[in-house]
N, C-alpha and C. Protein backbone atom coordinates (compact mmCIF):
# COMPACT_ATOMS: atom_id res chain seq x y z
N MET A 1 116.63 52.98 163.17
CA MET A 1 118.03 53.25 163.35
C MET A 1 118.30 53.66 164.80
N LYS A 2 119.32 53.11 165.38
CA LYS A 2 119.66 53.39 166.76
C LYS A 2 120.46 54.69 166.86
N THR A 3 120.09 55.54 167.84
CA THR A 3 120.77 56.81 168.04
C THR A 3 122.06 56.58 168.81
N LYS A 4 123.15 57.17 168.31
CA LYS A 4 124.44 57.05 168.98
C LYS A 4 124.58 58.16 170.02
N LYS A 5 124.69 57.77 171.29
CA LYS A 5 124.85 58.73 172.38
C LYS A 5 126.32 58.75 172.79
N ARG A 6 126.86 59.98 172.99
CA ARG A 6 128.27 60.13 173.33
C ARG A 6 128.39 60.89 174.65
N PHE A 7 129.39 60.52 175.45
CA PHE A 7 129.67 61.25 176.68
C PHE A 7 130.53 62.46 176.35
N ILE A 8 130.35 63.54 177.11
CA ILE A 8 131.12 64.77 176.93
C ILE A 8 132.23 64.76 177.97
N ALA A 9 133.45 64.51 177.54
CA ALA A 9 134.59 64.41 178.46
C ALA A 9 134.87 65.74 179.14
N GLY A 10 135.01 65.70 180.46
CA GLY A 10 135.38 66.88 181.22
C GLY A 10 134.25 67.83 181.53
N ALA A 11 133.04 67.53 181.07
CA ALA A 11 131.91 68.43 181.30
C ALA A 11 131.28 68.15 182.66
N ASN A 12 130.80 69.22 183.30
CA ASN A 12 130.12 69.10 184.59
C ASN A 12 128.63 69.39 184.40
N CYS A 13 127.80 68.62 185.07
CA CYS A 13 126.35 68.82 185.03
C CYS A 13 126.02 70.15 185.71
N PRO A 14 125.22 71.01 185.07
CA PRO A 14 124.85 72.28 185.70
C PRO A 14 123.92 72.10 186.90
N ASN A 15 123.29 70.95 187.02
CA ASN A 15 122.35 70.70 188.12
C ASN A 15 123.03 70.07 189.33
N CYS A 16 123.69 68.92 189.14
CA CYS A 16 124.29 68.19 190.27
C CYS A 16 125.80 68.39 190.38
N LYS A 17 126.41 69.06 189.41
CA LYS A 17 127.85 69.37 189.38
C LYS A 17 128.74 68.13 189.24
N GLN A 18 128.17 66.98 188.92
CA GLN A 18 128.95 65.75 188.74
C GLN A 18 129.77 65.85 187.45
N SER A 19 131.02 65.45 187.52
CA SER A 19 131.91 65.51 186.36
C SER A 19 131.78 64.25 185.51
N ASP A 20 131.94 64.41 184.21
CA ASP A 20 131.90 63.30 183.24
C ASP A 20 130.60 62.50 183.29
N SER A 21 129.47 63.17 183.51
CA SER A 21 128.20 62.45 183.56
C SER A 21 127.23 62.88 182.46
N LEU A 22 127.65 63.80 181.60
CA LEU A 22 126.77 64.29 180.54
C LEU A 22 126.96 63.51 179.25
N ARG A 23 125.85 63.15 178.63
CA ARG A 23 125.91 62.51 177.32
C ARG A 23 125.07 63.33 176.36
N VAL A 24 125.40 63.25 175.09
CA VAL A 24 124.75 64.08 174.08
C VAL A 24 124.38 63.22 172.87
N TRP A 25 123.26 63.57 172.25
CA TRP A 25 122.84 62.94 171.01
C TRP A 25 121.88 63.89 170.30
N GLU A 26 121.50 63.55 169.08
CA GLU A 26 120.61 64.39 168.30
C GLU A 26 119.34 63.63 167.94
N GLU A 27 118.19 64.29 168.17
CA GLU A 27 116.88 63.73 167.80
C GLU A 27 116.14 64.77 166.98
N ASN A 28 115.80 64.44 165.76
CA ASN A 28 115.04 65.35 164.88
C ASN A 28 115.67 66.73 164.80
N GLN A 29 116.96 66.79 164.61
CA GLN A 29 117.75 68.02 164.49
C GLN A 29 117.73 68.86 165.77
N ILE A 30 117.49 68.23 166.90
CA ILE A 30 117.55 68.89 168.20
C ILE A 30 118.62 68.18 169.02
N GLU A 31 119.60 68.95 169.51
CA GLU A 31 120.66 68.38 170.33
C GLU A 31 120.14 68.18 171.75
N VAL A 32 120.29 66.97 172.28
CA VAL A 32 119.83 66.64 173.62
C VAL A 32 121.04 66.34 174.49
N VAL A 33 121.12 67.01 175.66
CA VAL A 33 122.18 66.77 176.63
C VAL A 33 121.50 66.24 177.89
N GLU A 34 122.00 65.12 178.41
CA GLU A 34 121.38 64.47 179.56
C GLU A 34 122.44 64.07 180.56
N CYS A 35 122.15 64.25 181.86
CA CYS A 35 123.04 63.79 182.92
C CYS A 35 122.58 62.40 183.35
N VAL A 36 123.51 61.45 183.39
CA VAL A 36 123.15 60.09 183.77
C VAL A 36 123.05 59.93 185.29
N GLU A 37 123.50 60.93 186.05
CA GLU A 37 123.44 60.87 187.51
C GLU A 37 122.13 61.42 188.07
N CYS A 38 121.70 62.59 187.58
CA CYS A 38 120.52 63.24 188.17
C CYS A 38 119.35 63.40 187.20
N ASP A 39 119.45 62.88 185.98
CA ASP A 39 118.40 62.95 184.97
C ASP A 39 118.11 64.37 184.47
N TYR A 40 119.06 65.29 184.63
CA TYR A 40 118.95 66.63 184.04
C TYR A 40 118.92 66.49 182.52
N VAL A 41 118.05 67.24 181.85
CA VAL A 41 117.94 67.19 180.39
C VAL A 41 117.88 68.62 179.86
N GLU A 42 118.65 68.87 178.80
CA GLU A 42 118.63 70.17 178.12
C GLU A 42 118.53 69.90 176.63
N GLN A 43 117.63 70.62 175.96
CA GLN A 43 117.46 70.46 174.52
C GLN A 43 117.78 71.78 173.83
N LYS A 44 118.54 71.69 172.74
CA LYS A 44 118.94 72.89 172.01
C LYS A 44 118.62 72.71 170.53
N THR A 45 117.95 73.71 169.96
CA THR A 45 117.69 73.70 168.53
C THR A 45 118.95 74.17 167.81
N PRO A 46 119.10 73.87 166.53
CA PRO A 46 120.30 74.32 165.80
C PRO A 46 120.49 75.83 165.83
N GLN A 47 119.41 76.61 165.81
CA GLN A 47 119.52 78.06 165.86
C GLN A 47 120.07 78.52 167.21
N ALA A 48 119.65 77.88 168.30
CA ALA A 48 120.13 78.25 169.63
C ALA A 48 121.61 77.91 169.78
N ILE A 49 122.04 76.80 169.22
CA ILE A 49 123.44 76.39 169.29
C ILE A 49 124.30 77.38 168.53
N GLU A 50 123.87 77.77 167.33
CA GLU A 50 124.64 78.70 166.50
C GLU A 50 124.70 80.08 167.15
N ALA A 51 123.59 80.56 167.69
CA ALA A 51 123.56 81.88 168.33
C ALA A 51 124.45 81.90 169.56
N ARG A 52 124.45 80.83 170.32
CA ARG A 52 125.27 80.76 171.53
C ARG A 52 126.76 80.75 171.18
N SER A 53 127.15 80.01 170.17
CA SER A 53 128.57 79.94 169.81
C SER A 53 129.06 81.26 169.24
N HIS A 54 128.23 82.00 168.53
CA HIS A 54 128.65 83.28 167.96
C HIS A 54 128.65 84.40 168.99
N SER A 55 127.80 84.33 170.00
CA SER A 55 127.76 85.39 171.00
C SER A 55 128.90 85.30 171.99
N SER A 56 129.52 84.12 172.14
CA SER A 56 130.59 83.95 173.12
C SER A 56 131.95 84.41 172.62
N SER A 57 132.10 84.64 171.33
CA SER A 57 133.39 85.08 170.80
C SER A 57 133.18 86.05 169.65
N SER A 58 134.16 86.90 169.44
CA SER A 58 134.06 87.83 168.32
C SER A 58 134.33 87.09 167.02
N PRO A 59 133.82 87.57 165.90
CA PRO A 59 133.97 86.85 164.63
C PRO A 59 135.42 86.64 164.21
N ASN A 60 136.31 87.54 164.57
CA ASN A 60 137.70 87.42 164.16
C ASN A 60 138.51 86.48 165.04
N SER A 61 138.01 86.11 166.22
CA SER A 61 138.79 85.29 167.13
C SER A 61 138.53 83.79 166.96
N GLU A 62 137.58 83.41 166.11
CA GLU A 62 137.28 82.00 165.92
C GLU A 62 138.38 81.33 165.11
N GLN A 63 138.75 80.12 165.56
CA GLN A 63 139.80 79.38 164.87
C GLN A 63 139.46 77.90 164.91
N LEU A 64 139.51 77.24 163.78
CA LEU A 64 139.26 75.81 163.71
C LEU A 64 140.52 75.06 164.11
N ILE A 65 140.40 74.23 165.14
CA ILE A 65 141.55 73.46 165.61
C ILE A 65 141.56 72.09 164.95
N GLY A 66 140.42 71.44 164.89
CA GLY A 66 140.34 70.12 164.28
C GLY A 66 138.90 69.65 164.23
N ILE A 67 138.66 68.62 163.46
CA ILE A 67 137.33 68.05 163.33
C ILE A 67 137.37 66.62 163.83
N PHE A 68 136.52 66.31 164.81
CA PHE A 68 136.46 64.98 165.40
C PHE A 68 135.45 64.16 164.61
N LYS A 69 135.89 63.02 164.08
CA LYS A 69 135.01 62.13 163.32
C LYS A 69 135.03 60.74 163.95
N PRO A 70 134.10 60.46 164.89
CA PRO A 70 134.07 59.12 165.50
C PRO A 70 133.64 58.08 164.48
N GLU A 71 134.24 56.93 164.54
CA GLU A 71 133.92 55.88 163.58
C GLU A 71 133.30 54.69 164.25
């Protein structure tokens, strides 16, 4: 099965600072973020993603705006 890679609109690479150059996909339940300009790669486990999202905001301030479902 082919992995679907998506670009992250408006995101800047933390290494080269290029805008709209990051793409994301999932391999074996690990989120992979890669810059197509400088080959920067970051891998995040599901636990790291959840911990990061909860530490950036208080539990009462979270609000669901919408769910994106690409087809």
